[in-house]
């Protein structure tokens, strides 16, 4: 899958991105996060998705995601790790009109208002995702510090219009 060690320039940039991403991750997964102001929480989430997406542009990570999508991992993991997180980042950055997470929404008019881009492409692709006959994906993350598994559901749209 390509080279195994980053060069000095890549290491400098990767260290900055990873450190900031993991600082945000620690804040977001802390139980006190939900006590913070909704706008501050939203800003931190938006920033975390932005850092994550930037890391996806690093060639070894990009190659790994392609390997995942080709069957190296369960197929939906690639959709989540790349497609879903990129969609969320794009939505939050291309529509800086929302102040809190609860305000965020997207429909076809928003997704195609100036052009048919990545947001529209992802939403159209989502209608094809069926897990046990529905567009609902159950996902889990192991939270090391809490020593517990956190479960959540992702509801992909059945139709996109």
Protein backbone atom coordinates (compact mmCIF):
# COMPACT_ATOMS: atom_id res chain seq x y z
CA UNK A 1 0.00 0.00 0.00
CA UNK A 2 2.85 2.40 -0.57
CA UNK A 3 5.49 3.89 1.67
CA UNK A 4 5.43 3.15 5.36
CA UNK A 5 7.01 6.19 7.02
CA UNK A 6 6.27 9.88 6.51
CA UNK A 7 9.08 12.23 5.53
CA UNK A 8 10.02 15.19 7.77
CA UNK A 9 7.60 17.63 6.10
CA UNK A 10 4.71 15.15 6.29
CA UNK A 11 5.57 14.31 9.88
CA UNK A 12 5.44 17.97 10.88
CA UNK A 13 2.03 18.51 9.30
CA UNK A 14 0.59 15.18 10.42
CA UNK A 15 1.69 15.84 13.99
CA UNK A 16 -0.07 19.21 14.02
CA UNK A 17 -3.28 17.78 12.53
CA UNK A 18 -3.34 14.67 14.71
CA UNK A 19 -2.60 16.60 17.89
CA UNK A 20 -5.39 19.10 17.23
CA UNK A 21 -7.81 16.37 16.13
CA UNK A 22 -7.17 14.26 19.23
CA UNK A 23 -7.43 17.31 21.51
CA UNK A 24 -10.85 17.96 20.01
CA UNK A 25 -11.78 14.29 20.21
CA UNK A 26 -10.90 14.26 23.92
CA UNK A 27 -13.06 17.34 24.52
CA UNK A 28 -16.00 16.02 22.48
CA UNK A 29 -16.03 12.59 24.12
CA UNK A 30 -15.73 14.04 27.63
CA UNK A 31 -19.00 13.85 29.57
CA UNK A 32 -18.73 17.58 30.38
CA UNK A 33 -18.87 18.45 26.67
CA UNK A 34 -22.67 18.49 26.74
CA UNK A 35 -22.64 21.09 29.51
CA UNK A 36 -20.90 23.59 27.22
CA UNK A 37 -22.70 26.21 25.15
CA UNK A 38 -24.38 24.69 22.06
CA UNK A 39 -22.58 27.07 19.69
CA UNK A 40 -19.18 26.22 21.17
CA UNK A 41 -19.95 22.49 20.92
CA UNK A 42 -20.97 22.96 17.29
CA UNK A 43 -17.78 24.89 16.50
CA UNK A 44 -15.65 22.11 18.01
CA UNK A 45 -17.52 19.42 16.06
CA UNK A 46 -17.16 21.37 12.84
CA UNK A 47 -13.45 21.84 13.51
CA UNK A 48 -12.95 18.14 14.30
CA UNK A 49 -14.64 17.07 11.04
CA UNK A 50 -12.50 19.59 9.16
CA UNK A 51 -9.26 18.20 10.62
CA UNK A 52 -10.38 14.64 9.94
CA UNK A 53 -11.13 15.45 6.30
CA UNK A 54 -7.72 17.10 5.85
CA UNK A 55 -6.04 13.95 7.14
CA UNK A 56 -7.95 11.92 4.52
CA UNK A 57 -6.02 13.76 1.79
CA UNK A 58 -2.72 12.21 2.96
CA UNK A 59 -1.88 9.56 0.36
CA UNK A 60 -1.25 6.58 2.69
CA UNK A 61 -4.57 7.23 4.46
CA UNK A 62 -6.30 7.65 1.11
CA UNK A 63 -4.85 4.32 -0.03
CA UNK A 64 -6.01 2.61 3.15
CA UNK A 65 -9.55 3.92 2.65
CA UNK A 66 -9.54 2.59 -0.91
CA UNK A 67 -8.41 -0.79 0.42
CA UNK A 68 -11.28 -0.70 2.95
CA UNK A 69 -13.81 0.05 0.21
CA UNK A 70 -12.47 -2.79 -1.99
CA UNK A 71 -13.28 -5.30 0.72
CA UNK A 72 -10.40 -5.05 3.17
CA UNK A 73 -12.94 -4.24 5.89
CA UNK A 74 -16.71 -4.53 6.04
CA UNK A 75 -17.91 -2.34 3.13
CA UNK A 76 -19.86 0.15 5.21
CA UNK A 77 -16.78 1.07 7.25
CA UNK A 78 -15.29 2.73 4.17
CA UNK A 79 -18.51 4.61 3.57
CA UNK A 80 -18.48 5.88 7.15
CA UNK A 81 -14.74 6.61 7.38
CA UNK A 82 -14.66 8.53 4.12
CA UNK A 83 -18.06 9.26 2.61
CA UNK A 84 -20.15 10.03 5.69
CA UNK A 85 -17.49 12.03 7.54
CA UNK A 86 -16.61 13.93 4.35
CA UNK A 87 -20.31 14.65 3.79
CA UNK A 88 -20.68 16.05 7.32
CA UNK A 89 -17.55 18.18 6.92
CA UNK A 90 -18.73 19.49 3.56
CA UNK A 91 -22.18 20.26 4.89
CA UNK A 92 -20.82 22.14 7.90
CA UNK A 93 -18.22 24.12 5.95
CA UNK A 94 -20.17 24.87 2.78
CA UNK A 95 -23.24 25.95 4.73
CA UNK A 96 -21.84 28.18 7.50
CA UNK A 97 -25.39 29.35 8.22
CA UNK A 98 -26.07 27.04 11.14
CA UNK A 99 -25.16 27.98 14.71
CA UNK A 100 -25.86 24.70 16.50
CA UNK A 101 -26.03 21.02 15.59
CA UNK A 102 -29.80 20.97 16.12
CA UNK A 103 -30.27 23.56 13.34
CA UNK A 104 -28.42 21.53 10.69
CA UNK A 105 -30.46 20.02 7.91
CA UNK A 106 -30.00 19.32 4.25
CA UNK A 107 -32.36 18.72 1.36
CA UNK A 108 -31.93 18.54 -2.40
CA UNK A 109 -32.44 22.30 -2.81
CA UNK A 110 -29.57 23.05 -0.43
CA UNK A 111 -27.35 20.31 -1.82
CA UNK A 112 -27.74 21.51 -5.42
CA UNK A 113 -28.28 25.26 -5.04
CA UNK A 114 -25.14 26.28 -6.94
CA UNK A 115 -23.97 22.98 -8.42
CA UNK A 116 -24.30 19.25 -7.98
CA UNK A 117 -21.27 18.50 -5.84
CA UNK A 118 -20.11 16.03 -3.21
CA UNK A 119 -23.05 16.62 -0.85
CA UNK A 120 -25.57 15.81 -3.59
CA UNK A 121 -23.51 12.83 -4.78
CA UNK A 122 -23.31 11.35 -1.27
CA UNK A 123 -27.03 11.79 -0.57
CA UNK A 124 -27.94 10.12 -3.86
CA UNK A 125 -25.55 7.24 -3.09
CA UNK A 126 -27.08 6.84 0.39
CA UNK A 127 -30.46 5.88 -1.01
CA UNK A 128 -28.78 2.75 -2.37
CA UNK A 129 -27.50 1.65 1.06
CA UNK A 130 -29.68 -1.04 2.55
CA UNK A 131 -28.87 -2.92 5.72
CA UNK A 132 -31.34 -5.69 6.48
CA UNK A 133 -33.81 -3.99 4.13
CA UNK A 134 -33.53 -0.49 5.63
CA UNK A 135 -31.19 2.48 5.42
CA UNK A 136 -30.33 2.28 9.12
CA UNK A 137 -26.79 1.40 10.08
CA UNK A 138 -25.94 0.45 13.65
CA UNK A 139 -22.42 1.53 14.54
CA UNK A 140 -20.24 1.29 17.61
CA UNK A 141 -17.06 2.83 18.96
CA UNK A 142 -14.89 1.55 21.78
CA UNK A 143 -14.14 4.45 24.14
CA UNK A 144 -10.81 3.54 25.70
CA UNK A 145 -10.83 6.01 28.61
CA UNK A 146 -14.40 5.12 29.59
CA UNK A 147 -13.80 1.43 28.91
CA UNK A 148 -17.17 1.09 27.25
CA UNK A 149 -18.72 0.61 23.86
CA UNK A 150 -20.87 3.47 22.58
CA UNK A 151 -23.57 2.59 20.07
CA UNK A 152 -25.32 4.90 17.65
CA UNK A 153 -27.48 4.66 14.57
CA UNK A 154 -27.00 6.32 11.21
CA UNK A 155 -30.21 6.77 9.24
CA UNK A 156 -29.48 7.00 5.54
CA UNK A 157 -32.31 8.52 3.48
CA UNK A 158 -34.67 6.06 1.79
CA UNK A 159 -35.38 8.61 -0.95
CA UNK A 160 -33.62 11.76 -2.01
CA UNK A 161 -35.82 14.43 -3.51
